[in-house]
Amino acid sequence: MDRLKQFIGGDKLILISAIAVVFVVFTSLNPNYMTWTNITNILVATSLVGLIAIGETYLIIAGHVDLSPGSLVAFSGVLSALLVGRGIGGIQFNFYTAVPVTLLFGVLVGLMNASMVNIIRLEPFIATLVTQSIMRGFAYIICDGKPIAISDATFLGIGRMRFFSIPLSVWITILSFALFGFVLARTKFGRSIYAVGGNKDAARLAGLNPKRIMTVCYVMMGVICAVGGTVFAARMHSGQPAGNVSLEFDAITAVILGGVSFSGGVGSMGGTILGAVLIQAFNTGLTMVNVQSFWQFVARGGLLLFALTSDYIRKANREKMLLSASKRNK
């Protein structure tokens, strides 16, 4: 067991155990929980939360946070549906031209968030809360508050496509985890994110540019949200302005559950993957055992409280270990 903990990591082993417990409990309450169809549904639900959690992992490790993904995903889905459906300004788009335009808007929103944080010096929480409200409003405005149906065959094919019986959206998230996990763990840019989150002033003195690093992180989040919104619209066959209201809530919970410190500087992409699976397995289980939606909000809030409490305990333990090591060195 000790070797297994060393290989996987103690926190990750706890998450794997928690996922197993969730599956056992909900399967005992509803045998349909442990079916391939439902497991696929969990993976599909995890794919969007996981995609957003990738961006939140980068930002939270760097000491920031983004509360706008749910609104930006909704806006991106509506925008892409509008482009391939009605067009804009008399210009008709197909899927291959609509996607780059949608991604461009994601980049612009990321730059807007970065500008508010870096130039106006708003706290990330406040800056992205502003963006959350603005983008949700625009999502309703550009479609007059009504979902926009998608008829483009190529667009709809993105939502239907499967490889080895697993939907494309899941594969996109898996590949994204692999790519961004590698960048975070194995590249100079990844190490700079940890440095900025650990101590911004020390990172600056070491020759890093925290503002530039945060700009890249916010732009990356904007692009991820645009991709997520486009894929979600393809799955739903329409752009949904009211969709994904609490998406950032679930993503942040997944990140903190995965062991990323809310104070920055600590965490890994592997923990985020497990956190995303855990929260979606939990949410799906609540729905399948007919827990009222009102109580589901309470349960999800409790899960976030548990994640934050665990983060506080981990931080306290790290500080004790550092203090103890400092005394030994003296």
C-alpha atoms as a PDB file:
ATOM      1  CA  MET A   1       0.000   0.000   0.000  1.00  0.00           C
ATOM      2  CA  ASP A   2       2.842   2.411   0.841  1.00  0.00           C
ATOM      3  CA  ARG A   3       4.433   1.780  -2.569  1.00  0.00           C
ATOM      4  CA  LEU A   4       1.073   2.402  -4.247  1.00  0.00           C
ATOM      5  CA  LYS A   5       0.675   5.693  -2.350  1.00  0.00           C
ATOM      6  CA  GLN A   6       4.164   6.767  -3.407  1.00  0.00           C
ATOM      7  CA  PHE A   7       3.514   5.875  -7.068  1.00  0.00           C
ATOM      8  CA  ILE A   8       0.050   7.445  -7.380  1.00  0.00           C
ATOM      9  CA  GLY A   9       0.192  10.006  -4.589  1.00  0.00           C
ATOM     10  CA  GLY A  10      -1.745  10.026  -1.336  1.00  0.00           C
ATOM     11  CA  ASP A  11      -4.283  12.667  -2.412  1.00  0.00           C
ATOM     12  CA  LYS A  12      -4.983  10.935  -5.720  1.00  0.00           C
ATOM     13  CA  LEU A  13      -5.418   7.568  -3.996  1.00  0.00           C
ATOM     14  CA  ILE A  14      -8.027   9.162  -1.722  1.00  0.00           C
ATOM     15  CA  LEU A  15      -9.851  10.548  -4.781  1.00  0.00           C
ATOM     16  CA  ILE A  16      -9.826   7.172  -6.532  1.00  0.00           C
ATOM     17  CA  SER A  17     -11.239   5.596  -3.368  1.00  0.00           C
ATOM     18  CA  ALA A  18     -13.915   8.314  -3.171  1.00  0.00           C
ATOM     19  CA  ILE A  19     -14.929   7.685  -6.797  1.00  0.00           C
ATOM     20  CA  ALA A  20     -15.199   3.956  -6.069  1.00  0.00           C
ATOM     21  CA  VAL A  21     -17.372   4.667  -3.009  1.00  0.00           C
ATOM     22  CA  VAL A  22     -19.657   6.951  -5.045  1.00  0.00           C
ATOM     23  CA  PHE A  23     -20.115   4.234  -7.683  1.00  0.00           C
ATOM     24  CA  VAL A  24     -20.835   1.565  -5.070  1.00  0.00           C
ATOM     25  CA  VAL A  25     -23.315   3.705  -3.125  1.00  0.00           C
ATOM     26  CA  PHE A  26     -25.310   4.932  -6.119  1.00  0.00           C
ATOM     27  CA  THR A  27     -25.280   1.504  -7.783  1.00  0.00           C
ATOM     28  CA  SER A  28     -26.799   0.028  -4.621  1.00  0.00           C
ATOM     29  CA  LEU A  29     -29.513   2.707  -4.763  1.00  0.00           C
ATOM     30  CA  ASN A  30     -30.085   2.414  -8.530  1.00  0.00           C
ATOM     31  CA  PRO A  31     -28.682  -0.607 -10.438  1.00  0.00           C
ATOM     32  CA  ASN A  32     -28.858   1.381 -13.707  1.00  0.00           C
ATOM     33  CA  TYR A  33     -26.062   3.582 -12.418  1.00  0.00           C
ATOM     34  CA  MET A  34     -23.433   0.959 -13.266  1.00  0.00           C
ATOM     35  CA  THR A  35     -24.359   0.520 -16.923  1.00  0.00           C
ATOM     36  CA  TRP A  36     -22.266   1.414 -19.955  1.00  0.00           C
ATOM     37  CA  THR A  37     -24.895   3.946 -21.076  1.00  0.00           C
ATOM     38  CA  ASN A  38     -24.777   5.785 -17.771  1.00  0.00           C
ATOM     39  CA  ILE A  39     -20.982   5.600 -17.524  1.00  0.00           C
ATOM     40  CA  THR A  40     -20.844   7.151 -21.003  1.00  0.00           C
ATOM     41  CA  ASN A  41     -23.224   9.878 -19.829  1.00  0.00           C
ATOM     42  CA  ILE A  42     -20.942  10.575 -16.857  1.00  0.00           C
ATOM     43  CA  LEU A  43     -17.930  10.794 -19.172  1.00  0.00           C
ATOM     44  CA  VAL A  44     -19.763  13.190 -21.499  1.00  0.00           C
ATOM     45  CA  ALA A  45     -20.810  15.389 -18.563  1.00  0.00           C
ATOM     46  CA  THR A  46     -17.251  15.229 -17.236  1.00  0.00           C
ATOM     47  CA  SER A  47     -15.856  16.271 -20.622  1.00  0.00           C
ATOM     48  CA  LEU A  48     -17.197  19.839 -20.442  1.00  0.00           C
ATOM     49  CA  VAL A  49     -16.497  20.321 -16.730  1.00  0.00           C
ATOM     50  CA  GLY A  50     -13.057  18.767 -17.229  1.00  0.00           C
ATOM     51  CA  LEU A  51     -12.276  21.044 -20.153  1.00  0.00           C
ATOM     52  CA  ILE A  52     -13.074  24.154 -18.096  1.00  0.00           C
ATOM     53  CA  ALA A  53     -11.242  22.672 -15.107  1.00  0.00           C
ATOM     54  CA  ILE A  54      -8.059  22.563 -17.215  1.00  0.00           C
ATOM     55  CA  GLY A  55      -8.121  26.340 -17.565  1.00  0.00           C
ATOM     56  CA  GLU A  56      -9.069  26.806 -13.901  1.00  0.00           C
ATOM     57  CA  THR A  57      -6.135  24.576 -12.891  1.00  0.00           C
ATOM     58  CA  TYR A  58      -3.669  26.890 -14.627  1.00  0.00           C
ATOM     59  CA  LEU A  59      -5.294  30.016 -13.200  1.00  0.00           C
ATOM     60  CA  ILE A  60      -5.698  28.764  -9.623  1.00  0.00           C
ATOM     61  CA  ILE A  61      -2.126  27.432  -9.482  1.00  0.00           C
ATOM     62  CA  ALA A  62      -1.055  30.918 -10.617  1.00  0.00           C
ATOM     63  CA  GLY A  63      -3.103  32.457  -7.781  1.00  0.00           C
ATOM     64  CA  HIS A  64      -6.065  33.604  -9.905  1.00  0.00           C
ATOM     65  CA  VAL A  65      -9.574  32.353 -10.680  1.00  0.00           C
ATOM     66  CA  ASP A  66     -12.144  32.773 -13.471  1.00  0.00           C
ATOM     67  CA  LEU A  67     -15.892  32.974 -12.765  1.00  0.00           C
ATOM     68  CA  SER A  68     -16.934  33.648 -16.368  1.00  0.00           C
ATOM     69  CA  PRO A  69     -16.619  30.214 -18.123  1.00  0.00           C
ATOM     70  CA  GLY A  70     -20.294  29.238 -17.820  1.00  0.00           C
ATOM     71  CA  SER A  71     -21.413  32.457 -19.485  1.00  0.00           C
ATOM     72  CA  LEU A  72     -18.675  32.350 -22.132  1.00  0.00           C
ATOM     73  CA  VAL A  73     -19.508  28.727 -22.985  1.00  0.00           C
ATOM     74  CA  ALA A  74     -23.175  29.718 -23.409  1.00  0.00           C
ATOM     75  CA  PHE A  75     -22.236  32.737 -25.542  1.00  0.00           C
ATOM     76  CA  SER A  76     -19.855  30.662 -27.695  1.00  0.00           C
ATOM     77  CA  GLY A  77     -22.512  28.015 -28.303  1.00  0.00           C
ATOM     78  CA  VAL A  78     -25.115  30.609 -29.278  1.00  0.00           C
ATOM     79  CA  LEU A  79     -22.635  32.523 -31.459  1.00  0.00           C
ATOM     80  CA  SER A  80     -21.490  29.449 -33.384  1.00  0.00           C
ATOM     81  CA  ALA A  81     -25.121  28.350 -33.882  1.00  0.00           C
ATOM     82  CA  LEU A  82     -26.057  31.853 -35.048  1.00  0.00           C
ATOM     83  CA  LEU A  83     -23.167  32.002 -37.528  1.00  0.00           C
ATOM     84  CA  VAL A  84     -23.994  28.697 -39.238  1.00  0.00           C
ATOM     85  CA  GLY A  85     -27.735  29.365 -39.080  1.00  0.00           C
ATOM     86  CA  ARG A  86     -28.736  32.946 -39.718  1.00  0.00           C
ATOM     87  CA  GLY A  87     -25.309  34.436 -40.354  1.00  0.00           C
ATOM     88  CA  ILE A  88     -24.311  37.978 -39.353  1.00  0.00           C
ATOM     89  CA  GLY A  89     -24.561  41.151 -41.430  1.00  0.00           C
ATOM     90  CA  GLY A  90     -25.771  39.227 -44.439  1.00  0.00           C
ATOM     91  CA  ILE A  91     -22.684  36.999 -44.362  1.00  0.00           C
ATOM     92  CA  GLN A  92     -23.416  33.266 -44.193  1.00  0.00           C
ATOM     93  CA  PHE A  93     -20.911  31.024 -42.430  1.00  0.00           C
ATOM     94  CA  ASN A  94     -20.334  27.292 -42.528  1.00  0.00           C
ATOM     95  CA  PHE A  95     -18.894  25.218 -39.690  1.00  0.00           C
ATOM     96  CA  TYR A  96     -15.281  25.685 -40.808  1.00  0.00           C
ATOM     97  CA  THR A  97     -15.535  29.478 -40.858  1.00  0.00           C
ATOM     98  CA  ALA A  98     -17.809  29.801 -37.803  1.00  0.00           C
ATOM     99  CA  VAL A  99     -15.415  27.979 -35.467  1.00  0.00           C
ATOM    100  CA  PRO A 100     -12.428  30.344 -36.015  1.00  0.00           C
ATOM    101  CA  VAL A 101     -14.698  33.363 -35.442  1.00  0.00           C
ATOM    102  CA  THR A 102     -15.994  31.807 -32.210  1.00  0.00           C
ATOM    103  CA  LEU A 103     -12.435  31.046 -31.073  1.00  0.00           C
ATOM    104  CA  LEU A 104     -11.458  34.654 -31.842  1.00  0.00           C
ATOM    105  CA  PHE A 105     -14.201  35.889 -29.524  1.00  0.00           C
ATOM    106  CA  GLY A 106     -12.839  33.536 -26.857  1.00  0.00           C
ATOM    107  CA  VAL A 107      -9.404  35.129 -27.271  1.00  0.00           C
ATOM    108  CA  LEU A 108     -10.914  38.630 -26.984  1.00  0.00           C
ATOM    109  CA  VAL A 109     -12.774  37.761 -23.784  1.00  0.00           C
ATOM    110  CA  GLY A 110      -9.582  36.276 -22.348  1.00  0.00           C
ATOM    111  CA  LEU A 111      -7.736  39.505 -23.188  1.00  0.00           C
ATOM    112  CA  MET A 112     -10.530  41.513 -21.564  1.00  0.00           C
ATOM    113  CA  ASN A 113     -10.201  39.523 -18.329  1.00  0.00           C
ATOM    114  CA  ALA A 114      -6.415  39.867 -18.394  1.00  0.00           C
ATOM    115  CA  SER A 115      -6.670  43.625 -19.010  1.00  0.00           C
ATOM    116  CA  MET A 116      -9.007  44.153 -16.057  1.00  0.00           C
ATOM    117  CA  VAL A 117      -6.657  42.206 -13.799  1.00  0.00           C
ATOM    118  CA  ASN A 118      -3.314  43.511 -15.123  1.00  0.00           C
ATOM    119  CA  ILE A 119      -4.116  47.108 -16.108  1.00  0.00           C
ATOM    120  CA  ILE A 120      -7.130  48.186 -14.043  1.00  0.00           C
ATOM    121  CA  ARG A 121      -5.838  45.950 -11.221  1.00  0.00           C
ATOM    122  CA  LEU A 122      -9.218  44.495 -10.301  1.00  0.00           C
ATOM    123  CA  GLU A 123      -9.204  41.362  -8.201  1.00  0.00           C
ATOM    124  CA  PRO A 124      -9.648  38.291 -10.474  1.00  0.00           C
ATOM    125  CA  PHE A 125     -12.827  37.378  -8.606  1.00  0.00           C
ATOM    126  CA  ILE A 126     -14.407  40.780  -9.340  1.00  0.00           C
ATOM    127  CA  ALA A 127     -13.052  41.119 -12.885  1.00  0.00           C
ATOM    128  CA  THR A 128     -14.347  37.751 -14.042  1.00  0.00           C
ATOM    129  CA  LEU A 129     -17.643  38.293 -12.219  1.00  0.00           C
ATOM    130  CA  VAL A 130     -18.080  41.375 -14.433  1.00  0.00           C
ATOM    131  CA  THR A 131     -17.321  39.269 -17.511  1.00  0.00           C
ATOM    132  CA  GLN A 132     -19.723  36.581 -16.326  1.00  0.00           C
ATOM    133  CA  SER A 133     -22.593  39.057 -16.284  1.00  0.00           C
ATOM    134  CA  ILE A 134     -21.646  40.742 -19.583  1.00  0.00           C
ATOM    135  CA  MET A 135     -21.240  37.526 -21.561  1.00  0.00           C
ATOM    136  CA  ARG A 136     -24.460  36.012 -20.221  1.00  0.00           C
ATOM    137  CA  GLY A 137     -26.247  39.182 -21.283  1.00  0.00           C
ATOM    138  CA  PHE A 138     -24.749  39.042 -24.776  1.00  0.00           C
ATOM    139  CA  ALA A 139     -25.670  35.358 -25.033  1.00  0.00           C
ATOM    140  CA  TYR A 140     -29.319  36.353 -24.604  1.00  0.00           C
ATOM    141  CA  ILE A 141     -29.075  39.508 -26.723  1.00  0.00           C
ATOM    142  CA  ILE A 142     -27.694  37.956 -29.924  1.00  0.00           C
ATOM    143  CA  CYS A 143     -30.446  35.304 -30.020  1.00  0.00           C
ATOM    144  CA  ASP A 144     -33.324  37.382 -28.559  1.00  0.00           C
ATOM    145  CA  GLY A 145     -33.385  35.085 -25.555  1.00  0.00           C
ATOM    146  CA  LYS A 146     -34.362  32.014 -27.592  1.00  0.00           C
ATOM    147  CA  PRO A 147     -32.308  28.875 -28.348  1.00  0.00           C
ATOM    148  CA  ILE A 148     -30.982  28.729 -31.910  1.00  0.00           C
ATOM    149  CA  ALA A 149     -31.473  25.390 -33.646  1.00  0.00           C
ATOM    150  CA  ILE A 150     -28.574  23.973 -35.664  1.00  0.00           C
ATOM    151  CA  SER A 151     -29.173  22.278 -39.002  1.00  0.00           C
ATOM    152  CA  ASP A 152     -25.623  22.231 -40.407  1.00  0.00           C
ATOM    153  CA  ALA A 153     -24.727  18.544 -40.901  1.00  0.00           C
ATOM    154  CA  THR A 154     -21.001  18.996 -40.202  1.00  0.00           C
ATOM    155  CA  PHE A 155     -21.740  20.902 -37.002  1.00  0.00           C
ATOM    156  CA  LEU A 156     -24.176  18.252 -35.765  1.00  0.00           C
ATOM    157  CA  GLY A 157     -21.694  15.534 -36.689  1.00  0.00           C
ATOM    158  CA  ILE A 158     -19.312  16.858 -34.010  1.00  0.00           C
ATOM    159  CA  GLY A 159     -21.943  16.048 -31.395  1.00  0.00           C
ATOM    160  CA  ARG A 160     -22.700  12.591 -32.812  1.00  0.00           C
ATOM    161  CA  MET A 161     -19.207  11.410 -33.671  1.00  0.00           C
ATOM    162  CA  ARG A 162     -17.821   8.480 -31.653  1.00  0.00           C
ATOM    163  CA  PHE A 163     -14.554   6.559 -31.568  1.00  0.00           C
ATOM    164  CA  PHE A 164     -14.597   3.121 -29.925  1.00  0.00           C
ATOM    165  CA  SER A 165     -18.143   3.899 -28.719  1.00  0.00           C
ATOM    166  CA  ILE A 166     -16.907   6.980 -26.833  1.00  0.00           C
ATOM    167  CA  PRO A 167     -18.193  10.433 -27.936  1.00  0.00           C
ATOM    168  CA  LEU A 168     -15.797  12.886 -29.560  1.00  0.00           C
ATOM    169  CA  SER A 169     -16.290  15.406 -26.731  1.00  0.00           C
ATOM    170  CA  VAL A 170     -14.712  12.927 -24.301  1.00  0.00           C
ATOM    171  CA  TRP A 171     -11.712  12.371 -26.586  1.00  0.00           C
ATOM    172  CA  ILE A 172     -11.226  16.138 -26.942  1.00  0.00           C
ATOM    173  CA  THR A 173     -11.056  16.451 -23.151  1.00  0.00           C
ATOM    174  CA  ILE A 174      -8.710  13.473 -22.784  1.00  0.00           C
ATOM    175  CA  LEU A 175      -6.308  14.896 -25.375  1.00  0.00           C
ATOM    176  CA  SER A 176      -6.556  18.340 -23.767  1.00  0.00           C
ATOM    177  CA  PHE A 177      -5.696  16.891 -20.353  1.00  0.00           C
ATOM    178  CA  ALA A 178      -2.680  15.142 -21.854  1.00  0.00           C
ATOM    179  CA  LEU A 179      -1.464  18.225 -23.715  1.00  0.00           C
ATOM    180  CA  PHE A 180      -2.019  20.825 -20.998  1.00  0.00           C
ATOM    181  CA  GLY A 181      -0.862  18.410 -18.305  1.00  0.00           C
ATOM    182  CA  PHE A 182       2.423  17.949 -20.153  1.00  0.00           C
ATOM    183  CA  VAL A 183       2.861  21.709 -20.577  1.00  0.00           C
ATOM    184  CA  LEU A 184       2.140  22.326 -16.902  1.00  0.00           C
ATOM    185  CA  ALA A 185       4.448  19.589 -15.585  1.00  0.00           C
ATOM    186  CA  ARG A 186       7.278  19.479 -18.114  1.00  0.00           C
ATOM    187  CA  THR A 187       7.829  22.895 -19.665  1.00  0.00           C
ATOM    188  CA  LYS A 188       9.387  26.201 -18.641  1.00  0.00           C
ATOM    189  CA  PHE A 189       6.014  27.924 -19.020  1.00  0.00           C
ATOM    190  CA  GLY A 190       4.409  25.398 -16.651  1.00  0.00           C
ATOM    191  CA  ARG A 191       7.111  25.970 -14.049  1.00  0.00           C
ATOM    192  CA  SER A 192       6.634  29.724 -14.378  1.00  0.00           C
ATOM    193  CA  ILE A 193       2.941  29.330 -13.483  1.00  0.00           C
ATOM    194  CA  TYR A 194       3.898  27.557 -10.242  1.00  0.00           C
ATOM    195  CA  ALA A 195       6.467  30.277  -9.541  1.00  0.00           C
ATOM    196  CA  VAL A 196       3.962  33.107 -10.020  1.00  0.00           C
ATOM    197  CA  GLY A 197       1.383  31.350  -7.838  1.00  0.00           C
ATOM    198  CA  GLY A 198       3.926  30.584  -5.131  1.00  0.00           C
ATOM    199  CA  ASN A 199       5.361  34.089  -4.856  1.00  0.00           C
ATOM    200  CA  LYS A 200       4.669  36.717  -7.513  1.00  0.00           C
ATOM    201  CA  ASP A 201       7.357  39.131  -6.275  1.00  0.00           C
ATOM    202  CA  ALA A 202      10.024  36.415  -6.176  1.00  0.00           C
ATOM    203  CA  ALA A 203       8.997  35.313  -9.673  1.00  0.00           C
ATOM    204  CA  ARG A 204       9.370  38.877 -10.936  1.00  0.00           C
ATOM    205  CA  LEU A 205      12.818  39.183  -9.366  1.00  0.00           C
ATOM    206  CA  ALA A 206      13.755  35.882 -11.048  1.00  0.00           C
ATOM    207  CA  GLY A 207      13.097  37.481 -14.436  1.00  0.00           C
ATOM    208  CA  LEU A 208       9.547  36.275 -15.060  1.00  0.00           C
ATOM    209  CA  ASN A 209       6.741  38.528 -16.293  1.00  0.00           C
ATOM    210  CA  PRO A 210       3.635  37.686 -14.191  1.00  0.00           C
ATOM    211  CA  LYS A 211       1.340  39.933 -16.266  1.00  0.00           C
ATOM    212  CA  ARG A 212       2.334  38.225 -19.523  1.00  0.00           C
ATOM    213  CA  ILE A 213       1.952  34.777 -17.959  1.00  0.00           C
ATOM    214  CA  MET A 214      -1.524  35.630 -16.635  1.00  0.00           C
ATOM    215  CA  THR A 215      -2.544  37.054 -20.015  1.00  0.00           C
ATOM    216  CA  VAL A 216      -1.641  33.751 -21.664  1.00  0.00           C
ATOM    217  CA  CYS A 217      -3.613  31.833 -19.007  1.00  0.00           C
ATOM    218  CA  TYR A 218      -6.740  33.970 -19.419  1.00  0.00           C
ATOM    219  CA  VAL A 219      -6.572  33.791 -23.228  1.00  0.00           C
ATOM    220  CA  MET A 220      -6.132  30.031 -22.982  1.00  0.00           C
ATOM    221  CA  MET A 221      -9.242  29.855 -20.795  1.00  0.00           C
ATOM    222  CA  GLY A 222     -11.165  31.935 -23.337  1.00  0.00           C
ATOM    223  CA  VAL A 223     -10.222  29.563 -26.176  1.00  0.00           C
ATOM    224  CA  ILE A 224     -11.079  26.507 -24.069  1.00  0.00           C
ATOM    225  CA  CYS A 225     -14.510  27.981 -23.301  1.00  0.00           C
ATOM    226  CA  ALA A 226     -15.095  28.692 -26.998  1.00  0.00           C
ATOM    227  CA  VAL A 227     -14.236  25.086 -27.875  1.00  0.00           C
ATOM    228  CA  GLY A 228     -16.421  23.780 -25.052  1.00  0.00           C
ATOM    229  CA  GLY A 229     -19.348  25.965 -26.082  1.00  0.00           C
ATOM    230  CA  THR A 230     -19.129  24.872 -29.714  1.00  0.00           C
ATOM    231  CA  VAL A 231     -19.013  21.173 -28.821  1.00  0.00           C
ATOM    232  CA  PHE A 232     -21.837  21.590 -26.297  1.00  0.00           C
ATOM    233  CA  ALA A 233     -24.009  23.295 -28.933  1.00  0.00           C
ATOM    234  CA  ALA A 234     -23.305  20.425 -31.344  1.00  0.00           C
ATOM    235  CA  ARG A 235     -24.371  17.906 -28.680  1.00  0.00           C
ATOM    236  CA  MET A 236     -27.563  19.843 -27.881  1.00  0.00           C
ATOM    237  CA  HIS A 237     -28.302  20.574 -31.582  1.00  0.00           C
ATOM    238  CA  SER A 238     -28.764  24.218 -30.593  1.00  0.00           C
ATOM    239  CA  GLY A 239     -27.170  27.242 -28.972  1.00  0.00           C
ATOM    240  CA  GLN A 240     -28.553  27.558 -25.433  1.00  0.00           C
ATOM    241  CA  PRO A 241     -28.256  31.046 -23.885  1.00  0.00           C
ATOM    242  CA  ALA A 242     -29.448  29.750 -20.497  1.00  0.00           C
ATOM    243  CA  GLY A 243     -27.100  26.765 -20.426  1.00  0.00           C
ATOM    244  CA  ASN A 244     -24.161  25.985 -18.114  1.00  0.00           C
ATOM    245  CA  VAL A 245     -25.130  28.450 -15.392  1.00  0.00           C
ATOM    246  CA  SER A 246     -23.037  26.758 -12.676  1.00  0.00           C
ATOM    247  CA  LEU A 247     -20.287  25.343 -14.892  1.00  0.00           C
ATOM    248  CA  GLU A 248     -17.473  27.347 -13.291  1.00  0.00           C
ATOM    249  CA  PHE A 249     -18.733  26.278  -9.850  1.00  0.00           C
ATOM    250  CA  ASP A 250     -18.345  22.591 -10.754  1.00  0.00           C
ATOM    251  CA  ALA A 251     -14.984  23.186 -12.448  1.00  0.00           C
ATOM    252  CA  ILE A 252     -13.527  25.038  -9.459  1.00  0.00           C
ATOM    253  CA  THR A 253     -14.836  22.346  -7.107  1.00  0.00           C
ATOM    254  CA  ALA A 254     -13.186  19.678  -9.261  1.00  0.00           C
ATOM    255  CA  VAL A 255      -9.875  21.562  -9.239  1.00  0.00           C
ATOM    256  CA  ILE A 256      -9.835  22.031  -5.454  1.00  0.00           C
ATOM    257  CA  LEU A 257     -10.950  18.445  -4.869  1.00  0.00           C
ATOM    258  CA  GLY A 258      -8.050  17.424  -7.110  1.00  0.00           C
ATOM    259  CA  GLY A 259      -5.532  18.937  -4.721  1.00  0.00           C
ATOM    260  CA  VAL A 260      -4.844  22.321  -6.318  1.00  0.00           C
ATOM    261  CA  SER A 261      -4.323  24.897  -3.573  1.00  0.00           C
ATOM    262  CA  PHE A 262      -6.728  27.839  -3.757  1.00  0.00           C
ATOM    263  CA  SER A 263      -3.889  30.051  -2.506  1.00  0.00           C
ATOM    264  CA  GLY A 264      -1.794  29.086  -5.556  1.00  0.00           C
ATOM    265  CA  GLY A 265       1.520  27.411  -6.275  1.00  0.00           C
ATOM    266  CA  VAL A 266       0.472  23.797  -5.661  1.00  0.00           C
ATOM    267  CA  GLY A 267      -1.423  21.178  -7.680  1.00  0.00           C
ATOM    268  CA  SER A 268      -1.378  18.924 -10.719  1.00  0.00           C
ATOM    269  CA  MET A 269      -3.510  18.082 -13.738  1.00  0.00           C
ATOM    270  CA  GLY A 270      -3.823  14.451 -12.621  1.00  0.00           C
ATOM    271  CA  GLY A 271      -5.715  15.502  -9.503  1.00  0.00           C
ATOM    272  CA  THR A 272      -8.000  17.732 -11.572  1.00  0.00           C
ATOM    273  CA  ILE A 273      -8.984  14.788 -13.801  1.00  0.00           C
ATOM    274  CA  LEU A 274     -10.009  12.724 -10.790  1.00  0.00           C
ATOM    275  CA  GLY A 275     -11.797  15.688  -9.211  1.00  0.00           C
ATOM    276  CA  ALA A 276     -13.847  16.253 -12.375  1.00  0.00           C
ATOM    277  CA  VAL A 277     -14.840  12.573 -12.566  1.00  0.00           C
ATOM    278  CA  LEU A 278     -15.780  12.550  -8.873  1.00  0.00           C
ATOM    279  CA  ILE A 279     -18.023  15.591  -9.019  1.00  0.00           C
ATOM    280  CA  GLN A 280     -19.849  14.439 -12.164  1.00  0.00           C
ATOM    281  CA  ALA A 281     -20.287  10.916 -10.822  1.00  0.00           C
ATOM    282  CA  PHE A 282     -21.734  12.499  -7.677  1.00  0.00           C
ATOM    283  CA  ASN A 283     -24.034  14.894  -9.583  1.00  0.00           C
ATOM    284  CA  THR A 284     -25.299  12.132 -11.883  1.00  0.00           C
ATOM    285  CA  GLY A 285     -25.943   9.875  -8.897  1.00  0.00           C
ATOM    286  CA  LEU A 286     -28.031  12.531  -7.177  1.00  0.00           C
ATOM    287  CA  THR A 287     -30.171  12.875 -10.294  1.00  0.00           C
ATOM    288  CA  MET A 288     -30.592   9.108 -10.734  1.00  0.00           C
ATOM    289  CA  VAL A 289     -31.799   8.576  -7.167  1.00  0.00           C
ATOM    290  CA  ASN A 290     -34.328  11.403  -7.650  1.00  0.00           C
ATOM    291  CA  VAL A 291     -32.854  13.918  -5.230  1.00  0.00           C
ATOM    292  CA  GLN A 292     -34.751  17.197  -5.702  1.00  0.00           C
ATOM    293  CA  SER A 293     -32.846  19.840  -7.630  1.00  0.00           C
ATOM    294  CA  PHE A 294     -33.001  22.205  -4.644  1.00  0.00           C
ATOM    295  CA  TRP A 295     -31.225  19.663  -2.448  1.00  0.00           C
ATOM    296  CA  GLN A 296     -28.712  19.025  -5.223  1.00  0.00           C
ATOM    297  CA  PHE A 297     -27.574  22.634  -4.907  1.00  0.00           C
ATOM    298  CA  VAL A 298     -27.129  22.090  -1.168  1.00  0.00           C
ATOM    299  CA  ALA A 299     -25.166  18.869  -1.756  1.00  0.00           C
ATOM    300  CA  ARG A 300     -22.898  20.492  -4.348  1.00  0.00           C
ATOM    301  CA  GLY A 301     -22.280  23.430  -2.015  1.00  0.00           C
ATOM    302  CA  GLY A 302     -21.379  20.952   0.699  1.00  0.00           C
ATOM    303  CA  LEU A 303     -18.950  19.253  -1.668  1.00  0.00           C
ATOM    304  CA  LEU A 304     -17.250  22.577  -2.373  1.00  0.00           C
ATOM    305  CA  LEU A 305     -17.055  23.297   1.355  1.00  0.00           C
ATOM    306  CA  PHE A 306     -15.449  19.889   1.858  1.00  0.00           C
ATOM    307  CA  ALA A 307     -12.952  20.634  -0.934  1.00  0.00           C
ATOM    308  CA  LEU A 308     -12.015  24.019   0.546  1.00  0.00           C
ATOM    309  CA  THR A 309     -11.693  22.546   4.036  1.00  0.00           C
ATOM    310  CA  SER A 310      -9.430  19.810   2.683  1.00  0.00           C
ATOM    311  CA  ASP A 311      -7.351  22.477   0.932  1.00  0.00           C
ATOM    312  CA  TYR A 312      -7.015  24.391   4.219  1.00  0.00           C
ATOM    313  CA  ILE A 313      -5.857  21.247   6.023  1.00  0.00           C
ATOM    314  CA  ARG A 314      -3.340  20.415   3.260  1.00  0.00           C
ATOM    315  CA  LYS A 315      -1.982  23.971   3.384  1.00  0.00           C
ATOM    316  CA  ALA A 316      -1.630  23.843   7.181  1.00  0.00           C
ATOM    317  CA  ASN A 317       0.219  20.516   6.931  1.00  0.00           C
ATOM    318  CA  ARG A 318       2.593  21.907   4.280  1.00  0.00           C
ATOM    319  CA  GLU A 319       3.371  24.902   6.484  1.00  0.00           C
ATOM    320  CA  LYS A 320       4.081  22.619   9.454  1.00  0.00           C
ATOM    321  CA  MET A 321       6.416  20.487   7.343  1.00  0.00           C
ATOM    322  CA  LEU A 322       8.281  23.567   6.070  1.00  0.00           C
ATOM    323  CA  LEU A 323       8.593  24.951   9.611  1.00  0.00           C
ATOM    324  CA  SER A 324       9.852  21.607  10.871  1.00  0.00           C
ATOM    325  CA  ALA A 325      12.388  21.347   8.047  1.00  0.00           C
ATOM    326  CA  SER A 326      13.578  24.907   8.748  1.00  0.00           C
ATOM    327  CA  LYS A 327      14.160  24.096  12.407  1.00  0.00           C
ATOM    328  CA  ARG A 328      16.104  20.943  11.520  1.00  0.00           C
ATOM    329  CA  ASN A 329      18.354  22.890   9.137  1.00  0.00           C
ATOM    330  CA  LYS A 330      19.143  25.374  11.886  1.00  0.00           C
END
